[in-house]
Amino acid sequence: MTFEKIAIVIVFLVTLILLQLVIKYRGKAIKMSFPKTNNIDVRARLSLSKTERADLISIGSQSFLVIFSKAGAPAIIELEGVNEFNAEVSSQ
């Protein structure tokens, strides 16, 4: 009776370890399938209130204003004039 309980515990632990290895391997495979995000940069962050903030984010050559609110989904606005300004400043 005691041997059966020990065998059940060992089988259970081996199953958990195998499950952990499978999840770890799949996680690495999923990460490798996504492109790298080296060109994303948070340029500025401004707190508007306790529950709201605005972030200026640049992705490659594009800039976006993202307004986060606790009550709803974030609002995303593309900033076209800032892109032209950044291009002029970097060329000088």
N, C-alpha and C. Protein backbone atom coordinates (compact mmCIF):
# COMPACT_ATOMS: atom_id res chain seq x y z
N MET A 1 0.82 -1.19 0.00
CA MET A 1 0.00 0.00 0.00
C MET A 1 0.87 1.26 0.00
N THR A 2 1.90 1.31 0.81
CA THR A 2 2.78 2.47 0.88
C THR A 2 3.56 2.64 -0.42
N PHE A 3 4.00 1.52 -1.03
CA PHE A 3 4.73 1.59 -2.29
C PHE A 3 3.86 2.18 -3.39
N GLU A 4 2.60 1.86 -3.41
CA GLU A 4 1.69 2.39 -4.43
C GLU A 4 1.53 3.91 -4.29
N LYS A 5 1.45 4.39 -3.07
CA LYS A 5 1.32 5.83 -2.84
C LYS A 5 2.59 6.57 -3.29
N ILE A 6 3.75 5.98 -2.96
CA ILE A 6 5.01 6.60 -3.37
C ILE A 6 5.13 6.61 -4.90
N ALA A 7 4.72 5.51 -5.55
CA ALA A 7 4.77 5.43 -7.01
C ALA A 7 3.85 6.48 -7.64
N ILE A 8 2.67 6.70 -7.08
CA ILE A 8 1.73 7.70 -7.59
C ILE A 8 2.32 9.10 -7.47
N VAL A 9 2.95 9.38 -6.34
CA VAL A 9 3.57 10.69 -6.14
C VAL A 9 4.71 10.90 -7.12
N ILE A 10 5.54 9.90 -7.33
CA ILE A 10 6.66 10.00 -8.27
C ILE A 10 6.16 10.21 -9.69
N VAL A 11 5.16 9.47 -10.10
CA VAL A 11 4.59 9.64 -11.45
C VAL A 11 4.00 11.04 -11.59
N PHE A 12 3.34 11.52 -10.57
CA PHE A 12 2.77 12.87 -10.60
C PHE A 12 3.86 13.93 -10.74
N LEU A 13 4.94 13.80 -9.97
CA LEU A 13 6.04 14.76 -10.05
C LEU A 13 6.74 14.73 -11.41
N VAL A 14 6.94 13.55 -11.96
CA VAL A 14 7.56 13.43 -13.28
C VAL A 14 6.67 14.07 -14.34
N THR A 15 5.37 13.88 -14.21
CA THR A 15 4.43 14.50 -15.14
C THR A 15 4.50 16.02 -15.05
N LEU A 16 4.58 16.57 -13.85
CA LEU A 16 4.68 18.02 -13.69
C LEU A 16 5.98 18.56 -14.28
N ILE A 17 7.08 17.84 -14.09
CA ILE A 17 8.36 18.28 -14.64
C ILE A 17 8.32 18.25 -16.17
N LEU A 18 7.76 17.20 -16.75
CA LEU A 18 7.63 17.13 -18.21
C LEU A 18 6.74 18.24 -18.74
N LEU A 19 5.66 18.53 -18.05
CA LEU A 19 4.77 19.61 -18.45
C LEU A 19 5.49 20.95 -18.39
N GLN A 20 6.31 21.16 -17.37
CA GLN A 20 7.08 22.39 -17.25
C GLN A 20 8.06 22.54 -18.42
N LEU A 21 8.73 21.46 -18.80
CA LEU A 21 9.67 21.50 -19.91
C LEU A 21 8.96 21.79 -21.24
N VAL A 22 7.79 21.20 -21.44
CA VAL A 22 7.03 21.46 -22.67
C VAL A 22 6.60 22.92 -22.74
N ILE A 23 6.12 23.47 -21.65
CA ILE A 23 5.69 24.87 -21.63
C ILE A 23 6.88 25.79 -21.86
N LYS A 24 8.02 25.47 -21.25
CA LYS A 24 9.22 26.29 -21.42
C LYS A 24 9.68 26.26 -22.87
N TYR A 25 9.68 25.10 -23.52
CA TYR A 25 10.11 24.98 -24.90
C TYR A 25 9.16 25.73 -25.84
N ARG A 26 7.86 25.59 -25.63
CA ARG A 26 6.88 26.28 -26.48
C ARG A 26 6.98 27.79 -26.31
N GLY A 27 7.26 28.26 -25.10
CA GLY A 27 7.41 29.69 -24.86
C GLY A 27 8.57 30.26 -25.65
N LYS A 28 9.69 29.54 -25.71
CA LYS A 28 10.84 30.00 -26.48
C LYS A 28 10.53 29.98 -27.97
N ALA A 29 9.81 28.96 -28.43
CA ALA A 29 9.47 28.87 -29.85
C ALA A 29 8.54 30.00 -30.27
N ILE A 30 7.60 30.38 -29.40
CA ILE A 30 6.68 31.47 -29.71
C ILE A 30 7.42 32.79 -29.74
N LYS A 31 8.34 33.03 -28.79
CA LYS A 31 9.12 34.26 -28.77
C LYS A 31 9.98 34.40 -30.00
N MET A 32 10.53 33.31 -30.49
CA MET A 32 11.40 33.37 -31.66
C MET A 32 10.62 33.66 -32.93
N SER A 33 9.31 33.36 -32.96
CA SER A 33 8.53 33.58 -34.16
C SER A 33 8.13 35.05 -34.32
N PHE A 34 8.18 35.85 -33.26
CA PHE A 34 7.86 37.27 -33.34
C PHE A 34 9.11 38.06 -33.72
N PRO A 35 8.94 39.12 -34.51
CA PRO A 35 10.11 39.94 -34.83
C PRO A 35 10.58 40.72 -33.62
N LYS A 36 11.85 41.06 -33.60
CA LYS A 36 12.40 41.83 -32.47
C LYS A 36 11.89 43.25 -32.53
N THR A 37 11.68 43.83 -31.35
CA THR A 37 11.13 45.18 -31.26
C THR A 37 12.18 46.14 -30.71
N ASN A 38 13.28 46.27 -31.43
CA ASN A 38 14.34 47.16 -30.98
C ASN A 38 14.06 48.61 -31.31
N ASN A 39 13.10 48.86 -32.19
CA ASN A 39 12.87 50.23 -32.64
C ASN A 39 11.71 50.91 -31.94
N ILE A 40 11.21 50.37 -30.84
CA ILE A 40 10.12 51.00 -30.08
C ILE A 40 10.75 51.77 -28.92
N ASP A 41 10.33 53.05 -28.77
CA ASP A 41 10.92 53.89 -27.74
C ASP A 41 9.85 54.78 -27.12
N VAL A 42 9.79 54.83 -25.80
CA VAL A 42 8.90 55.76 -25.10
C VAL A 42 9.68 57.05 -24.90
N ARG A 43 9.28 58.08 -25.62
CA ARG A 43 10.03 59.34 -25.59
C ARG A 43 9.67 60.20 -24.38
N ALA A 44 8.39 60.22 -24.00
CA ALA A 44 7.96 61.06 -22.87
C ALA A 44 6.72 60.45 -22.24
N ARG A 45 6.56 60.72 -20.95
CA ARG A 45 5.38 60.27 -20.21
C ARG A 45 4.91 61.42 -19.35
N LEU A 46 3.62 61.71 -19.40
CA LEU A 46 3.04 62.81 -18.65
C LEU A 46 1.83 62.30 -17.88
N SER A 47 1.83 62.48 -16.56
CA SER A 47 0.67 62.12 -15.75
C SER A 47 -0.35 63.24 -15.83
N LEU A 48 -1.54 62.90 -16.28
CA LEU A 48 -2.61 63.88 -16.38
C LEU A 48 -3.43 63.95 -15.09
N SER A 49 -3.61 62.81 -14.46
CA SER A 49 -4.29 62.73 -13.16
C SER A 49 -3.86 61.41 -12.52
N LYS A 50 -4.52 61.03 -11.43
CA LYS A 50 -4.17 59.78 -10.78
C LYS A 50 -4.43 58.57 -11.66
N THR A 51 -5.45 58.66 -12.51
CA THR A 51 -5.85 57.51 -13.31
C THR A 51 -5.58 57.68 -14.80
N GLU A 52 -5.03 58.80 -15.22
CA GLU A 52 -4.79 59.05 -16.64
C GLU A 52 -3.35 59.48 -16.88
N ARG A 53 -2.81 59.04 -18.03
CA ARG A 53 -1.47 59.49 -18.42
C ARG A 53 -1.38 59.51 -19.94
N ALA A 54 -0.43 60.27 -20.44
CA ALA A 54 -0.19 60.38 -21.87
C ALA A 54 1.25 59.99 -22.13
N ASP A 55 1.47 59.15 -23.14
CA ASP A 55 2.81 58.71 -23.52
C ASP A 55 3.08 59.11 -24.96
N LEU A 56 4.29 59.57 -25.23
CA LEU A 56 4.74 59.83 -26.59
C LEU A 56 5.65 58.67 -26.96
N ILE A 57 5.21 57.88 -27.95
CA ILE A 57 5.91 56.66 -28.33
C ILE A 57 6.36 56.79 -29.77
N SER A 58 7.61 56.41 -30.03
CA SER A 58 8.08 56.37 -31.42
C SER A 58 8.36 54.93 -31.80
N ILE A 59 7.88 54.56 -32.99
CA ILE A 59 8.09 53.23 -33.54
C ILE A 59 8.70 53.43 -34.92
N GLY A 60 9.98 53.15 -35.01
CA GLY A 60 10.69 53.41 -36.26
C GLY A 60 10.72 54.90 -36.52
N SER A 61 10.13 55.32 -37.65
CA SER A 61 10.11 56.74 -37.99
C SER A 61 8.78 57.39 -37.67
N GLN A 62 7.85 56.66 -37.08
CA GLN A 62 6.53 57.20 -36.75
C GLN A 62 6.44 57.50 -35.26
N SER A 63 5.65 58.54 -34.92
CA SER A 63 5.41 58.90 -33.52
C SER A 63 3.92 58.83 -33.22
N PHE A 64 3.59 58.39 -32.02
CA PHE A 64 2.20 58.24 -31.60
C PHE A 64 2.03 58.85 -30.21
N LEU A 65 0.88 59.44 -29.98
CA LEU A 65 0.47 59.90 -28.67
C LEU A 65 -0.56 58.90 -28.16
N VAL A 66 -0.29 58.27 -27.03
CA VAL A 66 -1.19 57.27 -26.46
C VAL A 66 -1.68 57.81 -25.13
N ILE A 67 -2.99 57.93 -25.00
CA ILE A 67 -3.60 58.43 -23.77
C ILE A 67 -4.27 57.26 -23.06
N PHE A 68 -3.79 56.96 -21.86
CA PHE A 68 -4.30 55.86 -21.06
C PHE A 68 -5.27 56.40 -20.02
N SER A 69 -6.40 55.70 -19.87
CA SER A 69 -7.40 56.08 -18.89
C SER A 69 -7.88 54.82 -18.18
N LYS A 70 -8.17 54.94 -16.90
CA LYS A 70 -8.63 53.79 -16.14
C LYS A 70 -10.03 53.36 -16.60
N ALA A 71 -10.82 54.31 -17.07
CA ALA A 71 -12.21 54.03 -17.41
C ALA A 71 -12.38 53.36 -18.77
N GLY A 72 -11.41 53.49 -19.67
CA GLY A 72 -11.62 52.94 -21.01
C GLY A 72 -10.34 52.49 -21.67
N ALA A 73 -10.48 52.19 -22.95
CA ALA A 73 -9.35 51.73 -23.74
C ALA A 73 -8.44 52.91 -24.07
N PRO A 74 -7.17 52.65 -24.29
CA PRO A 74 -6.24 53.73 -24.65
C PRO A 74 -6.60 54.35 -26.00
N ALA A 75 -6.40 55.65 -26.11
CA ALA A 75 -6.62 56.35 -27.37
C ALA A 75 -5.25 56.56 -28.02
N ILE A 76 -5.14 56.21 -29.30
CA ILE A 76 -3.88 56.30 -30.02
C ILE A 76 -4.03 57.31 -31.14
N ILE A 77 -3.12 58.29 -31.17
CA ILE A 77 -3.15 59.34 -32.18
C ILE A 77 -1.78 59.38 -32.85
N GLU A 78 -1.76 59.28 -34.19
CA GLU A 78 -0.49 59.37 -34.91
C GLU A 78 -0.12 60.83 -35.06
N LEU A 79 1.12 61.16 -34.76
CA LEU A 79 1.61 62.53 -34.85
C LEU A 79 2.46 62.67 -36.10
N GLU A 80 1.90 63.29 -37.12
CA GLU A 80 2.63 63.41 -38.38
C GLU A 80 3.60 64.58 -38.36
N GLY A 81 3.24 65.72 -37.76
CA GLY A 81 4.12 66.88 -37.72
C GLY A 81 5.39 66.63 -36.94
N VAL A 82 5.31 65.81 -35.89
CA VAL A 82 6.49 65.51 -35.07
C VAL A 82 7.48 64.70 -35.89
N ASN A 83 6.99 63.81 -36.75
CA ASN A 83 7.89 63.01 -37.58
C ASN A 83 8.71 63.90 -38.51
N GLU A 84 8.07 64.90 -39.11
CA GLU A 84 8.78 65.81 -40.00
C GLU A 84 9.80 66.62 -39.23
N PHE A 85 9.45 67.07 -38.02
CA PHE A 85 10.36 67.83 -37.18
C PHE A 85 11.58 67.00 -36.79
N ASN A 86 11.34 65.71 -36.40
CA ASN A 86 12.45 64.84 -36.02
C ASN A 86 13.38 64.61 -37.21
N ALA A 87 12.83 64.49 -38.41
CA ALA A 87 13.66 64.27 -39.59
C ALA A 87 14.52 65.49 -39.87
N GLU A 88 13.94 66.69 -39.68
CA GLU A 88 14.71 67.91 -39.90
C GLU A 88 15.83 68.07 -38.89
N VAL A 89 15.55 67.77 -37.63
CA VAL A 89 16.55 67.91 -36.57
C VAL A 89 17.67 66.91 -36.77
N SER A 90 17.34 65.66 -37.14
CA SER A 90 18.38 64.64 -37.30
C SER A 90 19.23 64.88 -38.53
N SER A 91 18.69 65.57 -39.54
CA SER A 91 19.48 65.82 -40.74
C SER A 91 20.47 66.97 -40.55
N GLN A 92 20.26 67.82 -39.55
CA GLN A 92 21.17 68.97 -39.33
C GLN A 92 22.38 68.59 -38.56
